[in-house]
């Protein structure tokens, strides 16, 4: 099972393996409070794409398309992450729970066999 969770939400035992999927550390959260098993910066959107998107919902469709293109050459890394745990939680810092890269990443990971 793959889940997504904001970095500001309390970790739970059901989260399984927790990995941060942001390029930047979430503001105001200590490493101890995040309780991570890994930080996968290389699968986060590029700095250029992140800055262009700027969490603007009107850019969501184009952001999604560009991010998917960035993920294409990272198939091996994505497969390794997916198969690293039975329960996997992708941790992200964005405020918007409907327009963020973790949603796209979760969809991509779910399609990997």
N, C-alpha and C. Protein backbone atom coordinates (compact mmCIF):
# COMPACT_ATOMS: atom_id res chain seq x y z
N UNK A 1 0.83 -1.18 0.00
CA UNK A 1 0.00 0.00 0.00
C UNK A 1 0.88 1.26 0.00
N UNK A 2 0.50 2.21 -0.79
CA UNK A 2 1.22 3.49 -0.85
C UNK A 2 0.27 4.58 -0.38
N UNK A 3 0.74 5.36 0.57
CA UNK A 3 -0.06 6.47 1.10
C UNK A 3 0.76 7.76 0.98
N UNK A 4 0.08 8.88 1.09
CA UNK A 4 0.78 10.16 1.17
C UNK A 4 0.31 10.87 2.43
N UNK A 5 1.22 11.66 2.99
CA UNK A 5 0.91 12.35 4.24
C UNK A 5 1.73 13.63 4.32
N UNK A 6 1.10 14.67 4.80
CA UNK A 6 1.83 15.93 5.00
C UNK A 6 2.85 15.77 6.11
N UNK A 7 3.95 16.45 5.99
CA UNK A 7 5.01 16.41 6.99
C UNK A 7 4.53 16.96 8.34
N UNK A 8 3.47 17.73 8.32
CA UNK A 8 2.95 18.36 9.54
C UNK A 8 1.92 17.49 10.25
N UNK A 9 1.57 16.34 9.64
CA UNK A 9 0.66 15.39 10.28
C UNK A 9 1.47 14.41 11.12
N UNK A 10 0.90 14.00 12.22
CA UNK A 10 1.60 13.11 13.14
C UNK A 10 1.83 11.73 12.52
N UNK A 11 3.05 11.20 12.65
CA UNK A 11 3.32 9.85 12.15
C UNK A 11 2.51 8.82 12.95
N UNK A 12 2.14 7.73 12.28
CA UNK A 12 1.43 6.64 12.95
C UNK A 12 2.12 5.32 12.60
N UNK A 13 1.86 4.30 13.39
CA UNK A 13 2.47 2.99 13.16
C UNK A 13 2.05 2.42 11.80
N UNK A 14 0.85 2.74 11.35
CA UNK A 14 0.35 2.21 10.08
C UNK A 14 1.02 2.84 8.86
N UNK A 15 1.84 3.88 9.06
CA UNK A 15 2.53 4.53 7.94
C UNK A 15 3.52 3.59 7.26
N UNK A 16 4.06 2.65 7.98
CA UNK A 16 5.08 1.78 7.40
C UNK A 16 6.36 2.57 7.18
N UNK A 17 7.01 2.33 6.04
CA UNK A 17 8.25 3.06 5.70
C UNK A 17 7.87 4.46 5.26
N UNK A 18 8.44 5.45 5.93
CA UNK A 18 8.15 6.86 5.65
C UNK A 18 9.34 7.50 4.94
N UNK A 19 9.08 8.05 3.74
CA UNK A 19 10.15 8.74 3.02
C UNK A 19 9.70 10.14 2.65
N UNK A 20 10.58 11.08 2.87
CA UNK A 20 10.34 12.46 2.46
C UNK A 20 10.61 12.56 0.97
N UNK A 21 9.67 13.12 0.23
CA UNK A 21 9.81 13.20 -1.23
C UNK A 21 9.90 14.65 -1.71
N UNK A 22 10.31 15.54 -0.84
CA UNK A 22 10.53 16.95 -1.19
C UNK A 22 12.02 17.19 -1.38
N UNK A 23 12.34 18.17 -2.21
CA UNK A 23 13.73 18.54 -2.41
C UNK A 23 14.24 19.36 -1.22
N UNK A 24 13.33 20.10 -0.59
CA UNK A 24 13.68 20.95 0.56
C UNK A 24 13.06 20.38 1.83
N UNK A 25 13.75 20.58 2.96
CA UNK A 25 13.22 20.12 4.24
C UNK A 25 12.00 20.98 4.61
N UNK A 26 10.92 20.38 5.09
CA UNK A 26 9.72 21.15 5.46
C UNK A 26 10.02 22.14 6.60
N UNK A 27 9.55 23.35 6.44
CA UNK A 27 9.80 24.40 7.43
C UNK A 27 9.17 24.06 8.78
N UNK A 28 9.93 24.32 9.83
CA UNK A 28 9.41 24.21 11.17
C UNK A 28 9.22 22.80 11.70
N UNK A 29 9.74 21.80 11.00
CA UNK A 29 9.59 20.42 11.45
C UNK A 29 10.98 19.86 11.76
N UNK A 30 11.14 19.32 12.96
CA UNK A 30 12.43 18.74 13.32
C UNK A 30 12.57 17.34 12.74
N UNK A 31 13.80 16.90 12.57
CA UNK A 31 14.05 15.56 12.05
C UNK A 31 13.46 14.51 12.98
N UNK A 32 13.55 14.75 14.28
CA UNK A 32 13.03 13.79 15.25
C UNK A 32 11.51 13.65 15.13
N UNK A 33 10.81 14.74 14.89
CA UNK A 33 9.35 14.69 14.80
C UNK A 33 8.85 14.07 13.50
N UNK A 34 9.66 14.13 12.44
CA UNK A 34 9.22 13.56 11.16
C UNK A 34 9.30 12.03 11.15
N UNK A 35 10.23 11.48 11.91
CA UNK A 35 10.38 10.02 11.99
C UNK A 35 10.44 9.38 10.60
N UNK A 36 11.46 9.77 9.85
CA UNK A 36 11.63 9.28 8.47
C UNK A 36 12.54 8.06 8.40
N UNK A 37 12.31 7.26 7.36
CA UNK A 37 13.19 6.15 7.04
C UNK A 37 14.07 6.49 5.85
N UNK A 38 13.81 7.62 5.22
CA UNK A 38 14.62 8.03 4.08
C UNK A 38 14.17 9.37 3.54
N UNK A 39 15.05 9.97 2.73
CA UNK A 39 14.76 11.24 2.08
C UNK A 39 15.19 11.10 0.64
N UNK A 40 14.24 11.06 -0.27
CA UNK A 40 14.50 10.82 -1.69
C UNK A 40 14.39 12.12 -2.49
N UNK A 41 15.37 12.98 -2.35
CA UNK A 41 15.37 14.28 -3.03
C UNK A 41 15.34 14.16 -4.55
N UNK A 42 16.03 13.11 -5.07
CA UNK A 42 16.18 13.00 -6.52
C UNK A 42 14.87 12.70 -7.25
N UNK A 43 13.84 12.27 -6.55
CA UNK A 43 12.56 12.03 -7.23
C UNK A 43 11.58 13.18 -7.04
N UNK A 44 12.00 14.21 -6.33
CA UNK A 44 11.18 15.41 -6.18
C UNK A 44 11.27 16.23 -7.48
N UNK A 45 10.30 17.11 -7.71
CA UNK A 45 10.40 17.98 -8.89
C UNK A 45 11.69 18.79 -8.85
N UNK A 46 12.22 19.07 -10.02
CA UNK A 46 13.44 19.89 -10.10
C UNK A 46 13.17 21.26 -9.49
N UNK A 47 14.22 21.93 -9.10
CA UNK A 47 14.09 23.27 -8.54
C UNK A 47 13.40 24.20 -9.53
N UNK A 48 13.77 24.09 -10.80
CA UNK A 48 13.16 24.94 -11.84
C UNK A 48 11.66 24.69 -11.92
N UNK A 49 11.26 23.43 -11.95
CA UNK A 49 9.84 23.11 -12.04
C UNK A 49 9.10 23.53 -10.78
N UNK A 50 9.67 23.27 -9.62
CA UNK A 50 9.04 23.66 -8.35
C UNK A 50 8.80 25.16 -8.28
N UNK A 51 9.81 25.94 -8.67
CA UNK A 51 9.67 27.40 -8.63
C UNK A 51 8.65 27.88 -9.65
N UNK A 52 8.65 27.28 -10.84
CA UNK A 52 7.68 27.67 -11.88
C UNK A 52 6.26 27.40 -11.39
N UNK A 53 6.01 26.22 -10.84
CA UNK A 53 4.67 25.84 -10.38
C UNK A 53 4.21 26.74 -9.23
N UNK A 54 5.05 26.93 -8.24
CA UNK A 54 4.77 27.81 -7.12
C UNK A 54 3.40 27.52 -6.48
N UNK A 55 3.00 26.27 -6.50
CA UNK A 55 1.73 25.81 -5.90
C UNK A 55 0.52 26.56 -6.44
N UNK A 56 0.56 26.91 -7.71
CA UNK A 56 -0.54 27.61 -8.37
C UNK A 56 -1.46 26.57 -9.03
N UNK A 57 -2.67 26.36 -8.50
CA UNK A 57 -3.57 25.34 -9.05
C UNK A 57 -3.87 25.53 -10.54
N UNK A 58 -3.79 26.76 -11.04
CA UNK A 58 -4.07 26.99 -12.46
C UNK A 58 -2.97 26.37 -13.35
N UNK A 59 -1.82 26.07 -12.78
CA UNK A 59 -0.71 25.46 -13.52
C UNK A 59 -0.64 23.94 -13.30
N UNK A 60 -1.61 23.39 -12.59
CA UNK A 60 -1.56 21.99 -12.18
C UNK A 60 -1.40 21.02 -13.35
N UNK A 61 -2.21 21.13 -14.37
CA UNK A 61 -2.16 20.19 -15.49
C UNK A 61 -0.78 20.21 -16.16
N UNK A 62 -0.25 21.38 -16.39
CA UNK A 62 1.07 21.50 -17.02
C UNK A 62 2.17 21.02 -16.07
N UNK A 63 2.04 21.35 -14.79
CA UNK A 63 3.02 20.87 -13.81
C UNK A 63 3.06 19.34 -13.81
N UNK A 64 1.90 18.73 -13.77
CA UNK A 64 1.80 17.27 -13.75
C UNK A 64 2.50 16.66 -14.97
N UNK A 65 2.24 17.24 -16.13
CA UNK A 65 2.85 16.76 -17.38
C UNK A 65 4.38 16.88 -17.32
N UNK A 66 4.87 18.02 -16.86
CA UNK A 66 6.32 18.24 -16.78
C UNK A 66 6.98 17.34 -15.74
N UNK A 67 6.29 17.15 -14.62
CA UNK A 67 6.85 16.30 -13.56
C UNK A 67 6.91 14.85 -14.03
N UNK A 68 5.88 14.38 -14.71
CA UNK A 68 5.90 13.03 -15.25
C UNK A 68 7.08 12.84 -16.20
N UNK A 69 7.36 13.87 -16.99
CA UNK A 69 8.52 13.81 -17.91
C UNK A 69 9.83 13.71 -17.12
N UNK A 70 9.92 14.42 -16.00
CA UNK A 70 11.12 14.35 -15.17
C UNK A 70 11.28 12.96 -14.53
N UNK A 71 10.18 12.31 -14.24
CA UNK A 71 10.23 11.00 -13.58
C UNK A 71 10.57 9.86 -14.53
N UNK A 72 10.30 10.03 -15.83
CA UNK A 72 10.50 8.94 -16.80
C UNK A 72 11.88 8.29 -16.72
N UNK A 73 12.97 9.06 -16.71
CA UNK A 73 14.29 8.41 -16.68
C UNK A 73 14.67 7.83 -15.31
N UNK A 74 13.80 7.94 -14.33
CA UNK A 74 14.10 7.48 -12.97
C UNK A 74 13.36 6.19 -12.62
N UNK A 75 13.05 5.37 -13.63
CA UNK A 75 12.25 4.17 -13.42
C UNK A 75 12.88 3.20 -12.42
N UNK A 76 14.19 3.01 -12.50
CA UNK A 76 14.84 2.07 -11.58
C UNK A 76 14.73 2.55 -10.14
N UNK A 77 15.00 3.83 -9.90
CA UNK A 77 14.90 4.38 -8.55
C UNK A 77 13.47 4.25 -8.02
N UNK A 78 12.51 4.54 -8.88
CA UNK A 78 11.11 4.46 -8.48
C UNK A 78 10.71 3.02 -8.15
N UNK A 79 11.16 2.08 -8.96
CA UNK A 79 10.87 0.66 -8.71
C UNK A 79 11.47 0.23 -7.37
N UNK A 80 12.72 0.64 -7.11
CA UNK A 80 13.37 0.30 -5.85
C UNK A 80 12.61 0.87 -4.66
N UNK A 81 12.13 2.10 -4.78
CA UNK A 81 11.37 2.72 -3.70
C UNK A 81 10.06 1.97 -3.47
N UNK A 82 9.36 1.68 -4.55
CA UNK A 82 8.07 0.99 -4.42
C UNK A 82 8.23 -0.35 -3.72
N UNK A 83 9.27 -1.09 -4.07
CA UNK A 83 9.45 -2.43 -3.53
C UNK A 83 10.26 -2.45 -2.22
N UNK A 84 10.50 -1.29 -1.65
CA UNK A 84 11.30 -1.22 -0.43
C UNK A 84 10.50 -1.54 0.83
N UNK A 85 9.18 -1.55 0.72
CA UNK A 85 8.34 -1.83 1.89
C UNK A 85 6.94 -2.20 1.47
N UNK A 86 6.31 -3.01 2.28
CA UNK A 86 4.92 -3.39 2.01
C UNK A 86 3.99 -2.17 2.15
N UNK A 87 4.20 -1.42 3.22
CA UNK A 87 3.47 -0.16 3.43
C UNK A 87 4.46 0.98 3.30
N UNK A 88 4.15 1.91 2.42
CA UNK A 88 5.03 3.03 2.12
C UNK A 88 4.24 4.32 2.22
N UNK A 89 4.78 5.29 2.95
CA UNK A 89 4.14 6.60 3.04
C UNK A 89 5.08 7.65 2.47
N UNK A 90 4.58 8.39 1.48
CA UNK A 90 5.31 9.49 0.87
C UNK A 90 4.98 10.74 1.67
N UNK A 91 5.99 11.34 2.25
CA UNK A 91 5.81 12.51 3.11
C UNK A 91 6.17 13.75 2.32
N UNK A 92 5.30 14.76 2.36
CA UNK A 92 5.52 16.00 1.62
C UNK A 92 5.13 17.20 2.47
N UNK A 93 5.60 18.38 2.10
CA UNK A 93 5.37 19.56 2.91
C UNK A 93 4.32 20.53 2.39
N UNK A 94 3.86 20.38 1.17
CA UNK A 94 2.93 21.34 0.57
C UNK A 94 1.63 21.47 1.38
N UNK A 95 1.09 22.69 1.40
CA UNK A 95 -0.19 22.93 2.09
C UNK A 95 -1.37 22.38 1.31
N UNK A 96 -1.30 22.48 0.00
CA UNK A 96 -2.40 22.07 -0.87
C UNK A 96 -2.40 20.54 -0.99
N UNK A 97 -3.44 19.92 -0.48
CA UNK A 97 -3.51 18.45 -0.50
C UNK A 97 -4.08 17.91 -1.81
N UNK A 98 -4.52 18.78 -2.70
CA UNK A 98 -5.10 18.35 -3.98
C UNK A 98 -4.22 18.65 -5.19
N UNK A 99 -3.22 19.50 -5.01
CA UNK A 99 -2.33 19.89 -6.11
C UNK A 99 -0.88 19.86 -5.61
N UNK A 100 -0.32 18.66 -5.50
CA UNK A 100 1.07 18.55 -5.07
C UNK A 100 1.73 17.36 -5.74
N UNK A 101 3.03 17.38 -5.79
CA UNK A 101 3.78 16.36 -6.51
C UNK A 101 3.65 14.97 -5.89
N UNK A 102 3.38 14.87 -4.61
CA UNK A 102 3.25 13.56 -3.97
C UNK A 102 2.08 12.78 -4.56
N UNK A 103 1.03 13.47 -4.95
CA UNK A 103 -0.12 12.81 -5.60
C UNK A 103 0.30 12.17 -6.93
N UNK A 104 1.06 12.91 -7.71
CA UNK A 104 1.54 12.42 -9.00
C UNK A 104 2.49 11.24 -8.77
N UNK A 105 3.40 11.39 -7.84
CA UNK A 105 4.37 10.35 -7.54
C UNK A 105 3.68 9.07 -7.08
N UNK A 106 2.68 9.19 -6.25
CA UNK A 106 1.92 8.03 -5.78
C UNK A 106 1.28 7.30 -6.96
N UNK A 107 0.68 8.03 -7.88
CA UNK A 107 0.06 7.42 -9.06
C UNK A 107 1.09 6.68 -9.90
N UNK A 108 2.25 7.27 -10.07
CA UNK A 108 3.32 6.64 -10.84
C UNK A 108 3.78 5.35 -10.15
N UNK A 109 4.02 5.42 -8.85
CA UNK A 109 4.48 4.24 -8.12
C UNK A 109 3.45 3.12 -8.14
N UNK A 110 2.19 3.46 -8.09
CA UNK A 110 1.13 2.44 -8.10
C UNK A 110 1.07 1.67 -9.42
N UNK A 111 1.54 2.27 -10.50
CA UNK A 111 1.52 1.62 -11.82
C UNK A 111 2.73 0.72 -12.04
N UNK A 112 3.76 0.88 -11.23
CA UNK A 112 4.99 0.10 -11.39
C UNK A 112 4.75 -1.31 -10.87
N UNK A 113 5.22 -2.27 -11.64
CA UNK A 113 5.11 -3.69 -11.22
C UNK A 113 6.41 -4.21 -10.72
